[in-house]
């Protein structure tokens, strides 16, 4: 299928006020452009409430990039036509005839926005009948072999066959700055959770042997984060953390503490840290066991 563009969806942004949504959408687009630039891919972006449209001549490569951009809930390679009935019929047949035949089943999922002289149900029934007549395929709205999504927005209609899941969360840079102590690969999982909530993360690296791993992690998630090397055994560790937090205007410190970690006295470490660090301390992994942490690190590509 020769796609025209990629539809990009975001979730929480649509719940914000008009001004905040505009600012957050700008941050998301900025990250998308940076990600495409890193892969030497050209793109042209336009927006509409609830949607971002991305034009590129490398659709499939673009989809792979977008899956690692925080703030995107899903993407769909799509074909564009007008919302005129004859154009939608022609495109429906073009999309379905190569993949549907007798013994196969399909479902149409139609959404509509704007003023039209038809309803979503009208379009589903009309196009469904045309496809059945042309392909002899069956309609199955529950467990179809093929789904054809049709999104009608004013005078334009978009056709696509899949919604590819994104990372979700909030765009980077929309929720303030944090520090993250990075001593093991698992520490990056803690940072990832806060990055997914839109925080800019400044990484305090206490183990320089991890630098390549950290740099690869930042490239993978298109984050422009500082990597600051510090000595975890320094007597002035907390002073250094407080100084860096002040310089970078960071609101909290992120650690990888987990109550399931029996190799250290976690609660004593946290208590001691709170006596010297002058900003709140966040522990995203505190209730996660070792297997869960390892599995998520593998899924995110932090460890092999």
C-alpha atoms as a PDB file:
ATOM      1  CA  UNK A   1       0.000   0.000   0.000  1.00  0.00           C
ATOM      2  CA  UNK A   2       1.399   3.379  -0.987  1.00  0.00           C
ATOM      3  CA  UNK A   3       0.821   5.666   1.963  1.00  0.00           C
ATOM      4  CA  UNK A   4       0.566   9.438   1.782  1.00  0.00           C
ATOM      5  CA  UNK A   5       1.343  10.427   5.358  1.00  0.00           C
ATOM      6  CA  UNK A   6       1.463   9.336   9.003  1.00  0.00           C
ATOM      7  CA  UNK A   7      -1.335  10.190  11.423  1.00  0.00           C
ATOM      8  CA  UNK A   8       0.052  10.884  14.903  1.00  0.00           C
ATOM      9  CA  UNK A   9      -2.207  10.719  17.952  1.00  0.00           C
ATOM     10  CA  UNK A  10      -1.581  12.027  21.428  1.00  0.00           C
ATOM     11  CA  UNK A  11      -3.587  11.352  24.566  1.00  0.00           C
ATOM     12  CA  UNK A  12      -3.299  13.572  27.610  1.00  0.00           C
ATOM     13  CA  UNK A  13      -2.513  16.706  25.617  1.00  0.00           C
ATOM     14  CA  UNK A  14      -6.072  16.844  24.333  1.00  0.00           C
ATOM     15  CA  UNK A  15      -7.327  17.349  27.901  1.00  0.00           C
ATOM     16  CA  UNK A  16      -5.313  20.513  28.463  1.00  0.00           C
ATOM     17  CA  UNK A  17      -6.473  24.078  28.002  1.00  0.00           C
ATOM     18  CA  UNK A  18      -6.031  25.622  24.577  1.00  0.00           C
ATOM     19  CA  UNK A  19      -2.896  27.559  25.592  1.00  0.00           C
ATOM     20  CA  UNK A  20      -1.242  24.629  27.400  1.00  0.00           C
ATOM     21  CA  UNK A  21      -2.138  22.207  24.616  1.00  0.00           C
ATOM     22  CA  UNK A  22      -0.521  24.523  22.083  1.00  0.00           C
ATOM     23  CA  UNK A  23       2.693  24.712  24.117  1.00  0.00           C
ATOM     24  CA  UNK A  24       2.828  20.956  24.710  1.00  0.00           C
ATOM     25  CA  UNK A  25       2.113  20.197  21.057  1.00  0.00           C
ATOM     26  CA  UNK A  26       4.967  22.511  20.062  1.00  0.00           C
ATOM     27  CA  UNK A  27       7.280  20.583  22.414  1.00  0.00           C
ATOM     28  CA  UNK A  28       6.161  17.293  20.883  1.00  0.00           C
ATOM     29  CA  UNK A  29       6.735  18.534  17.335  1.00  0.00           C
ATOM     30  CA  UNK A  30      10.173  19.817  18.328  1.00  0.00           C
ATOM     31  CA  UNK A  31      11.129  16.334  19.557  1.00  0.00           C
ATOM     32  CA  UNK A  32       9.722  14.696  16.410  1.00  0.00           C
ATOM     33  CA  UNK A  33      11.767  16.973  14.184  1.00  0.00           C
ATOM     34  CA  UNK A  34      14.899  16.302  16.235  1.00  0.00           C
ATOM     35  CA  UNK A  35      14.302  12.545  16.013  1.00  0.00           C
ATOM     36  CA  UNK A  36      13.872  12.634  12.241  1.00  0.00           C
ATOM     37  CA  UNK A  37      16.957  14.822  11.882  1.00  0.00           C
ATOM     38  CA  UNK A  38      18.990  12.284  13.894  1.00  0.00           C
ATOM     39  CA  UNK A  39      18.012   9.625  11.345  1.00  0.00           C
ATOM     40  CA  UNK A  40      18.536  11.911   8.339  1.00  0.00           C
ATOM     41  CA  UNK A  41      14.853  11.710   7.460  1.00  0.00           C
ATOM     42  CA  UNK A  42      12.977  14.634   5.981  1.00  0.00           C
ATOM     43  CA  UNK A  43       9.517  15.485   7.263  1.00  0.00           C
ATOM     44  CA  UNK A  44       6.832  18.128   6.992  1.00  0.00           C
ATOM     45  CA  UNK A  45       4.417  18.505   9.918  1.00  0.00           C
ATOM     46  CA  UNK A  46       0.976  20.085  10.209  1.00  0.00           C
ATOM     47  CA  UNK A  47      -1.450  20.010  13.123  1.00  0.00           C
ATOM     48  CA  UNK A  48      -5.131  19.922  13.914  1.00  0.00           C
ATOM     49  CA  UNK A  49      -6.863  19.507  17.265  1.00  0.00           C
ATOM     50  CA  UNK A  50      -6.136  15.973  18.432  1.00  0.00           C
ATOM     51  CA  UNK A  51      -3.957  15.081  15.453  1.00  0.00           C
ATOM     52  CA  UNK A  52      -0.530  15.706  13.988  1.00  0.00           C
ATOM     53  CA  UNK A  53       0.032  14.953  10.304  1.00  0.00           C
ATOM     54  CA  UNK A  54       3.525  14.037   9.159  1.00  0.00           C
ATOM     55  CA  UNK A  55       4.548  13.895   5.514  1.00  0.00           C
ATOM     56  CA  UNK A  56       7.711  11.982   4.674  1.00  0.00           C
ATOM     57  CA  UNK A  57       8.984   9.895   1.787  1.00  0.00           C
ATOM     58  CA  UNK A  58      10.136   7.246   4.282  1.00  0.00           C
ATOM     59  CA  UNK A  59       6.854   6.174   5.883  1.00  0.00           C
ATOM     60  CA  UNK A  60       7.918   2.878   7.457  1.00  0.00           C
ATOM     61  CA  UNK A  61      11.201   4.274   8.791  1.00  0.00           C
ATOM     62  CA  UNK A  62       9.252   7.238  10.130  1.00  0.00           C
ATOM     63  CA  UNK A  63       6.848   4.972  12.006  1.00  0.00           C
ATOM     64  CA  UNK A  64       9.790   3.242  13.710  1.00  0.00           C
ATOM     65  CA  UNK A  65      11.149   6.604  14.833  1.00  0.00           C
ATOM     66  CA  UNK A  66       7.819   7.846  16.160  1.00  0.00           C
ATOM     67  CA  UNK A  67       7.309   4.806  18.373  1.00  0.00           C
ATOM     68  CA  UNK A  68      10.104   6.063  20.643  1.00  0.00           C
ATOM     69  CA  UNK A  69       8.906   9.657  20.956  1.00  0.00           C
ATOM     70  CA  UNK A  70       7.368  10.421  24.341  1.00  0.00           C
ATOM     71  CA  UNK A  71       3.851  11.836  24.134  1.00  0.00           C
ATOM     72  CA  UNK A  72       2.671   9.826  21.110  1.00  0.00           C
ATOM     73  CA  UNK A  73      -0.042   7.264  21.881  1.00  0.00           C
ATOM     74  CA  UNK A  74      -0.310   5.737  18.410  1.00  0.00           C
ATOM     75  CA  UNK A  75       0.514   6.271  14.744  1.00  0.00           C
ATOM     76  CA  UNK A  76      -1.039   5.092  11.494  1.00  0.00           C
ATOM     77  CA  UNK A  77       0.385   5.139   7.973  1.00  0.00           C
ATOM     78  CA  UNK A  78      -2.555   6.487   5.988  1.00  0.00           C
ATOM     79  CA  UNK A  79      -3.859   7.275   2.527  1.00  0.00           C
ATOM     80  CA  UNK A  80      -5.669  10.562   2.010  1.00  0.00           C
ATOM     81  CA  UNK A  81      -8.653  11.351  -0.195  1.00  0.00           C
ATOM     82  CA  UNK A  82     -11.640  13.690  -0.148  1.00  0.00           C
ATOM     83  CA  UNK A  83     -14.796  13.093   1.891  1.00  0.00           C
ATOM     84  CA  UNK A  84     -16.825  12.841  -1.320  1.00  0.00           C
ATOM     85  CA  UNK A  85     -18.631   9.509  -1.343  1.00  0.00           C
ATOM     86  CA  UNK A  86     -17.364   8.441  -4.767  1.00  0.00           C
ATOM     87  CA  UNK A  87     -13.737   9.097  -3.726  1.00  0.00           C
ATOM     88  CA  UNK A  88     -14.145   7.128  -0.501  1.00  0.00           C
ATOM     89  CA  UNK A  89     -15.716   4.218  -2.394  1.00  0.00           C
ATOM     90  CA  UNK A  90     -12.843   4.161  -4.897  1.00  0.00           C
ATOM     91  CA  UNK A  91     -10.221   4.189  -2.166  1.00  0.00           C
ATOM     92  CA  UNK A  92     -12.039   1.538  -0.103  1.00  0.00           C
ATOM     93  CA  UNK A  93     -11.922  -0.824  -3.060  1.00  0.00           C
ATOM     94  CA  UNK A  94      -8.287   0.005  -3.758  1.00  0.00           C
ATOM     95  CA  UNK A  95      -7.378  -0.809  -0.155  1.00  0.00           C
ATOM     96  CA  UNK A  96      -9.468  -3.956   0.224  1.00  0.00           C
ATOM     97  CA  UNK A  97      -9.468  -5.795  -3.096  1.00  0.00           C
ATOM     98  CA  UNK A  98      -5.812  -6.957  -2.831  1.00  0.00           C
ATOM     99  CA  UNK A  99      -6.275  -8.387   0.672  1.00  0.00           C
ATOM    100  CA  UNK A 100      -9.924  -9.536   0.846  1.00  0.00           C
ATOM    101  CA  UNK A 101     -11.591 -12.479  -0.839  1.00  0.00           C
ATOM    102  CA  UNK A 102     -14.187 -15.139  -0.112  1.00  0.00           C
ATOM    103  CA  UNK A 103     -13.465 -16.736   3.261  1.00  0.00           C
ATOM    104  CA  UNK A 104     -11.876 -13.575   4.673  1.00  0.00           C
ATOM    105  CA  UNK A 105     -13.686 -11.193   6.997  1.00  0.00           C
ATOM    106  CA  UNK A 106     -13.424  -7.464   7.543  1.00  0.00           C
ATOM    107  CA  UNK A 107     -14.752  -4.581   9.618  1.00  0.00           C
ATOM    108  CA  UNK A 108     -15.017  -0.880   8.891  1.00  0.00           C
ATOM    109  CA  UNK A 109     -14.286   1.520  11.760  1.00  0.00           C
ATOM    110  CA  UNK A 110     -15.531   4.979  10.791  1.00  0.00           C
ATOM    111  CA  UNK A 111     -15.044   8.230  12.720  1.00  0.00           C
ATOM    112  CA  UNK A 112     -16.292  11.577  11.535  1.00  0.00           C
ATOM    113  CA  UNK A 113     -15.625  15.202  12.507  1.00  0.00           C
ATOM    114  CA  UNK A 114     -17.260  18.224  10.893  1.00  0.00           C
ATOM    115  CA  UNK A 115     -20.456  19.001   8.987  1.00  0.00           C
ATOM    116  CA  UNK A 116     -21.598  16.337   6.490  1.00  0.00           C
ATOM    117  CA  UNK A 117     -24.862  15.160   4.994  1.00  0.00           C
ATOM    118  CA  UNK A 118     -24.122  11.613   6.176  1.00  0.00           C
ATOM    119  CA  UNK A 119     -23.357   9.884   9.475  1.00  0.00           C
ATOM    120  CA  UNK A 120     -20.496   7.536  10.331  1.00  0.00           C
ATOM    121  CA  UNK A 121     -22.979   4.664  10.238  1.00  0.00           C
ATOM    122  CA  UNK A 122     -24.162   5.695   6.767  1.00  0.00           C
ATOM    123  CA  UNK A 123     -20.602   5.496   5.452  1.00  0.00           C
ATOM    124  CA  UNK A 124     -19.910   2.176   7.171  1.00  0.00           C
ATOM    125  CA  UNK A 125     -23.022   0.603   5.645  1.00  0.00           C
ATOM    126  CA  UNK A 126     -22.482   2.052   2.160  1.00  0.00           C
ATOM    127  CA  UNK A 127     -18.791   1.192   1.886  1.00  0.00           C
ATOM    128  CA  UNK A 128     -19.305  -2.160   3.567  1.00  0.00           C
ATOM    129  CA  UNK A 129     -21.864  -3.193   0.950  1.00  0.00           C
ATOM    130  CA  UNK A 130     -19.562  -2.076  -1.865  1.00  0.00           C
ATOM    131  CA  UNK A 131     -16.636  -4.078  -0.454  1.00  0.00           C
ATOM    132  CA  UNK A 132     -18.762  -7.204   0.086  1.00  0.00           C
ATOM    133  CA  UNK A 133     -20.037  -7.038  -3.490  1.00  0.00           C
ATOM    134  CA  UNK A 134     -16.534  -6.544  -4.929  1.00  0.00           C
ATOM    135  CA  UNK A 135     -14.634  -9.090  -2.813  1.00  0.00           C
ATOM    136  CA  UNK A 136     -17.311 -11.544  -1.521  1.00  0.00           C
ATOM    137  CA  UNK A 137     -15.670 -11.208   1.899  1.00  0.00           C
ATOM    138  CA  UNK A 138     -17.740 -11.431   5.090  1.00  0.00           C
ATOM    139  CA  UNK A 139     -18.398  -8.687   7.605  1.00  0.00           C
ATOM    140  CA  UNK A 140     -17.245  -9.502  11.152  1.00  0.00           C
ATOM    141  CA  UNK A 141     -17.270  -6.578  13.551  1.00  0.00           C
ATOM    142  CA  UNK A 142     -15.906  -8.612  16.485  1.00  0.00           C
ATOM    143  CA  UNK A 143     -12.961 -10.660  15.197  1.00  0.00           C
ATOM    144  CA  UNK A 144     -12.274  -9.578  11.602  1.00  0.00           C
ATOM    145  CA  UNK A 145      -9.266 -10.698   9.595  1.00  0.00           C
ATOM    146  CA  UNK A 146      -8.878  -7.131   8.290  1.00  0.00           C
ATOM    147  CA  UNK A 147      -9.837  -3.803   9.808  1.00  0.00           C
ATOM    148  CA  UNK A 148     -10.195  -0.722   7.643  1.00  0.00           C
ATOM    149  CA  UNK A 149     -10.234   2.512   9.609  1.00  0.00           C
ATOM    150  CA  UNK A 150     -11.762   5.603   8.013  1.00  0.00           C
ATOM    151  CA  UNK A 151     -11.325   8.968   9.676  1.00  0.00           C
ATOM    152  CA  UNK A 152     -13.318  11.770   8.070  1.00  0.00           C
ATOM    153  CA  UNK A 153     -12.382  15.323   8.988  1.00  0.00           C
ATOM    154  CA  UNK A 154     -14.362  17.997   7.187  1.00  0.00           C
ATOM    155  CA  UNK A 155     -13.561  17.644   3.461  1.00  0.00           C
ATOM    156  CA  UNK A 156     -10.699  15.122   3.906  1.00  0.00           C
ATOM    157  CA  UNK A 157     -10.829  11.391   4.627  1.00  0.00           C
ATOM    158  CA  UNK A 158      -7.963   9.221   5.840  1.00  0.00           C
ATOM    159  CA  UNK A 159      -7.856   5.456   5.289  1.00  0.00           C
ATOM    160  CA  UNK A 160      -5.580   3.130   7.281  1.00  0.00           C
ATOM    161  CA  UNK A 161      -5.445  -0.497   8.413  1.00  0.00           C
ATOM    162  CA  UNK A 162      -3.537  -0.332  11.685  1.00  0.00           C
ATOM    163  CA  UNK A 163      -2.964   1.718  14.799  1.00  0.00           C
ATOM    164  CA  UNK A 164       0.618   1.211  15.918  1.00  0.00           C
ATOM    165  CA  UNK A 165       1.108   1.795  19.610  1.00  0.00           C
ATOM    166  CA  UNK A 166       3.444   4.561  20.752  1.00  0.00           C
ATOM    167  CA  UNK A 167       5.256   5.162  24.036  1.00  0.00           C
ATOM    168  CA  UNK A 168       2.563   7.490  25.376  1.00  0.00           C
ATOM    169  CA  UNK A 169       3.109   9.823  28.294  1.00  0.00           C
ATOM    170  CA  UNK A 170       3.895  13.517  27.904  1.00  0.00           C
ATOM    171  CA  UNK A 171       6.341  15.281  25.548  1.00  0.00           C
ATOM    172  CA  UNK A 172       9.851  15.808  26.867  1.00  0.00           C
ATOM    173  CA  UNK A 173      10.419  19.197  28.440  1.00  0.00           C
ATOM    174  CA  UNK A 174       6.841  19.887  29.484  1.00  0.00           C
ATOM    175  CA  UNK A 175       7.083  18.953  33.180  1.00  0.00           C
ATOM    176  CA  UNK A 176      10.255  20.552  34.551  1.00  0.00           C
ATOM    177  CA  UNK A 177      13.760  19.230  35.227  1.00  0.00           C
ATOM    178  CA  UNK A 178      14.998  16.433  37.480  1.00  0.00           C
ATOM    179  CA  UNK A 179      18.317  14.871  38.431  1.00  0.00           C
ATOM    180  CA  UNK A 180      18.794  11.101  38.137  1.00  0.00           C
ATOM    181  CA  UNK A 181      21.547   9.103  39.855  1.00  0.00           C
ATOM    182  CA  UNK A 182      22.887   6.565  37.353  1.00  0.00           C
ATOM    183  CA  UNK A 183      25.001   3.805  38.860  1.00  0.00           C
ATOM    184  CA  UNK A 184      23.665   0.723  37.017  1.00  0.00           C
ATOM    185  CA  UNK A 185      21.794   0.114  33.757  1.00  0.00           C
ATOM    186  CA  UNK A 186      18.663  -0.355  35.866  1.00  0.00           C
ATOM    187  CA  UNK A 187      19.016   3.258  37.028  1.00  0.00           C
ATOM    188  CA  UNK A 188      18.098   4.298  33.500  1.00  0.00           C
ATOM    189  CA  UNK A 189      14.704   2.657  33.953  1.00  0.00           C
ATOM    190  CA  UNK A 190      14.018   5.073  36.808  1.00  0.00           C
ATOM    191  CA  UNK A 191      14.989   7.975  34.570  1.00  0.00           C
ATOM    192  CA  UNK A 192      12.822   6.598  31.749  1.00  0.00           C
ATOM    193  CA  UNK A 193       9.697   6.641  33.897  1.00  0.00           C
ATOM    194  CA  UNK A 194      10.124  10.341  34.665  1.00  0.00           C
ATOM    195  CA  UNK A 195      11.071  11.149  31.067  1.00  0.00           C
ATOM    196  CA  UNK A 196       7.837   9.488  29.992  1.00  0.00           C
ATOM    197  CA  UNK A 197       6.014  11.942  32.239  1.00  0.00           C
ATOM    198  CA  UNK A 198       7.576  14.824  30.312  1.00  0.00           C
ATOM    199  CA  UNK A 199      10.525  15.654  32.582  1.00  0.00           C
ATOM    200  CA  UNK A 200      13.910  16.795  31.331  1.00  0.00           C
ATOM    201  CA  UNK A 201      16.475  14.611  33.066  1.00  0.00           C
ATOM    202  CA  UNK A 202      20.046  15.551  33.992  1.00  0.00           C
ATOM    203  CA  UNK A 203      21.983  12.345  34.520  1.00  0.00           C
ATOM    204  CA  UNK A 204      24.463  12.112  37.407  1.00  0.00           C
ATOM    205  CA  UNK A 205      26.755   9.301  36.303  1.00  0.00           C
ATOM    206  CA  UNK A 206      28.538   7.553  39.178  1.00  0.00           C
ATOM    207  CA  UNK A 207      29.938   4.733  37.017  1.00  0.00           C
ATOM    208  CA  UNK A 208      31.829   5.931  33.939  1.00  0.00           C
ATOM    209  CA  UNK A 209      31.895   2.433  32.447  1.00  0.00           C
ATOM    210  CA  UNK A 210      28.196   3.017  31.674  1.00  0.00           C
ATOM    211  CA  UNK A 211      28.764   6.116  29.565  1.00  0.00           C
ATOM    212  CA  UNK A 212      28.251   4.371  26.210  1.00  0.00           C
ATOM    213  CA  UNK A 213      25.110   2.664  27.536  1.00  0.00           C
ATOM    214  CA  UNK A 214      23.779   6.002  28.763  1.00  0.00           C
ATOM    215  CA  UNK A 215      24.549   7.757  25.471  1.00  0.00           C
ATOM    216  CA  UNK A 216      22.820   4.977  23.511  1.00  0.00           C
ATOM    217  CA  UNK A 217      19.806   5.266  25.830  1.00  0.00           C
ATOM    218  CA  UNK A 218      19.518   9.013  25.214  1.00  0.00           C
ATOM    219  CA  UNK A 219      19.797   8.538  21.445  1.00  0.00           C
ATOM    220  CA  UNK A 220      17.110   5.844  21.490  1.00  0.00           C
ATOM    221  CA  UNK A 221      14.623   8.131  23.248  1.00  0.00           C
ATOM    222  CA  UNK A 222      15.697  11.355  21.505  1.00  0.00           C
ATOM    223  CA  UNK A 223      16.556  13.117  24.768  1.00  0.00           C
ATOM    224  CA  UNK A 224      18.961  16.049  24.995  1.00  0.00           C
ATOM    225  CA  UNK A 225      20.132  15.356  28.550  1.00  0.00           C
ATOM    226  CA  UNK A 226      23.319  16.388  30.322  1.00  0.00           C
ATOM    227  CA  UNK A 227      25.606  13.607  31.543  1.00  0.00           C
ATOM    228  CA  UNK A 228      27.470  14.784  34.636  1.00  0.00           C
ATOM    229  CA  UNK A 229      30.116  12.508  36.175  1.00  0.00           C
ATOM    230  CA  UNK A 230      30.288  12.524  39.978  1.00  0.00           C
ATOM    231  CA  UNK A 231      32.065  10.412  42.599  1.00  0.00           C
ATOM    232  CA  UNK A 232      29.506   8.445  44.602  1.00  0.00           C
ATOM    233  CA  UNK A 233      32.094   7.866  47.354  1.00  0.00           C
ATOM    234  CA  UNK A 234      32.881  11.532  47.837  1.00  0.00           C
ATOM    235  CA  UNK A 235      32.315  12.909  51.330  1.00  0.00           C
ATOM    236  CA  UNK A 236      30.735  15.925  49.650  1.00  0.00           C
ATOM    237  CA  UNK A 237      28.353  13.915  47.434  1.00  0.00           C
ATOM    238  CA  UNK A 238      25.207  15.527  48.771  1.00  0.00           C
ATOM    239  CA  UNK A 239      26.725  18.999  48.469  1.00  0.00           C
ATOM    240  CA  UNK A 240      27.533  18.286  44.824  1.00  0.00           C
ATOM    241  CA  UNK A 241      24.000  17.042  44.194  1.00  0.00           C
ATOM    242  CA  UNK A 242      22.493  20.131  45.820  1.00  0.00           C
ATOM    243  CA  UNK A 243      24.787  22.442  43.861  1.00  0.00           C
ATOM    244  CA  UNK A 244      23.964  20.789  40.520  1.00  0.00           C
ATOM    245  CA  UNK A 245      20.259  20.790  41.354  1.00  0.00           C
ATOM    246  CA  UNK A 246      20.427  24.518  42.028  1.00  0.00           C
ATOM    247  CA  UNK A 247      22.410  25.262  38.863  1.00  0.00           C
ATOM    248  CA  UNK A 248      20.063  23.227  36.645  1.00  0.00           C
ATOM    249  CA  UNK A 249      16.866  24.299  38.457  1.00  0.00           C
ATOM    250  CA  UNK A 250      15.968  20.664  39.172  1.00  0.00           C
ATOM    251  CA  UNK A 251      12.902  19.983  41.304  1.00  0.00           C
ATOM    252  CA  UNK A 252      13.739  16.455  42.508  1.00  0.00           C
ATOM    253  CA  UNK A 253      16.284  13.626  42.519  1.00  0.00           C
ATOM    254  CA  UNK A 254      15.470  10.231  40.949  1.00  0.00           C
ATOM    255  CA  UNK A 255      17.046   7.028  42.296  1.00  0.00           C
ATOM    256  CA  UNK A 256      16.765   3.311  41.482  1.00  0.00           C
ATOM    257  CA  UNK A 257      15.961   2.120  45.011  1.00  0.00           C
ATOM    258  CA  UNK A 258      13.761  -0.970  45.219  1.00  0.00           C
ATOM    259  CA  UNK A 259      12.519  -2.632  48.419  1.00  0.00           C
ATOM    260  CA  UNK A 260      13.216  -5.992  46.782  1.00  0.00           C
ATOM    261  CA  UNK A 261      16.944  -5.231  46.580  1.00  0.00           C
ATOM    262  CA  UNK A 262      18.417  -7.369  49.366  1.00  0.00           C
ATOM    263  CA  UNK A 263      22.016  -6.438  48.538  1.00  0.00           C
ATOM    264  CA  UNK A 264      21.755  -3.158  50.467  1.00  0.00           C
ATOM    265  CA  UNK A 265      19.792  -1.554  53.272  1.00  0.00           C
ATOM    266  CA  UNK A 266      17.431   0.402  51.040  1.00  0.00           C
ATOM    267  CA  UNK A 267      15.411   2.205  53.696  1.00  0.00           C
ATOM    268  CA  UNK A 268      18.550   3.316  55.575  1.00  0.00           C
ATOM    269  CA  UNK A 269      20.069   4.604  52.341  1.00  0.00           C
ATOM    270  CA  UNK A 270      16.928   6.586  51.554  1.00  0.00           C
ATOM    271  CA  UNK A 271      16.774   7.982  55.108  1.00  0.00           C
ATOM    272  CA  UNK A 272      20.433   9.009  54.971  1.00  0.00           C
ATOM    273  CA  UNK A 273      19.991  10.600  51.548  1.00  0.00           C
ATOM    274  CA  UNK A 274      17.035  12.656  52.754  1.00  0.00           C
ATOM    275  CA  UNK A 275      19.165  14.182  55.510  1.00  0.00           C
ATOM    276  CA  UNK A 276      21.637  15.643  53.000  1.00  0.00           C
ATOM    277  CA  UNK A 277      19.767  16.244  49.750  1.00  0.00           C
ATOM    278  CA  UNK A 278      17.764  19.453  49.754  1.00  0.00           C
ATOM    279  CA  UNK A 279      15.209  18.479  47.088  1.00  0.00           C
ATOM    280  CA  UNK A 280      12.512  15.762  47.057  1.00  0.00           C
ATOM    281  CA  UNK A 281      13.677  12.256  46.177  1.00  0.00           C
ATOM    282  CA  UNK A 282      11.640  10.099  43.789  1.00  0.00           C
ATOM    283  CA  UNK A 283      11.847   6.274  43.688  1.00  0.00           C
ATOM    284  CA  UNK A 284       9.948   4.952  40.614  1.00  0.00           C
ATOM    285  CA  UNK A 285      11.165   1.368  41.153  1.00  0.00           C
ATOM    286  CA  UNK A 286      10.513   1.190  44.902  1.00  0.00           C
ATOM    287  CA  UNK A 287       7.813  -1.536  44.705  1.00  0.00           C
ATOM    288  CA  UNK A 288       9.174  -3.430  41.688  1.00  0.00           C
ATOM    289  CA  UNK A 289      10.939  -6.781  42.133  1.00  0.00           C
ATOM    290  CA  UNK A 290      14.146  -7.755  40.367  1.00  0.00           C
ATOM    291  CA  UNK A 291      12.469  -9.849  37.661  1.00  0.00           C
ATOM    292  CA  UNK A 292      10.080  -7.027  36.785  1.00  0.00           C
ATOM    293  CA  UNK A 293      12.906  -4.488  36.603  1.00  0.00           C
ATOM    294  CA  UNK A 294      15.033  -6.798  34.437  1.00  0.00           C
ATOM    295  CA  UNK A 295      12.127  -7.553  32.096  1.00  0.00           C
ATOM    296  CA  UNK A 296      11.283  -3.885  31.570  1.00  0.00           C
ATOM    297  CA  UNK A 297      14.945  -3.025  31.002  1.00  0.00           C
ATOM    298  CA  UNK A 298      15.077  -5.675  28.279  1.00  0.00           C
ATOM    299  CA  UNK A 299      11.858  -4.477  26.670  1.00  0.00           C
ATOM    300  CA  UNK A 300      13.181  -0.909  26.561  1.00  0.00           C
ATOM    301  CA  UNK A 301      16.565  -1.990  25.192  1.00  0.00           C
ATOM    302  CA  UNK A 302      18.503  -0.842  28.262  1.00  0.00           C
ATOM    303  CA  UNK A 303      20.009  -4.298  28.677  1.00  0.00           C
ATOM    304  CA  UNK A 304      20.231  -7.236  26.276  1.00  0.00           C
END
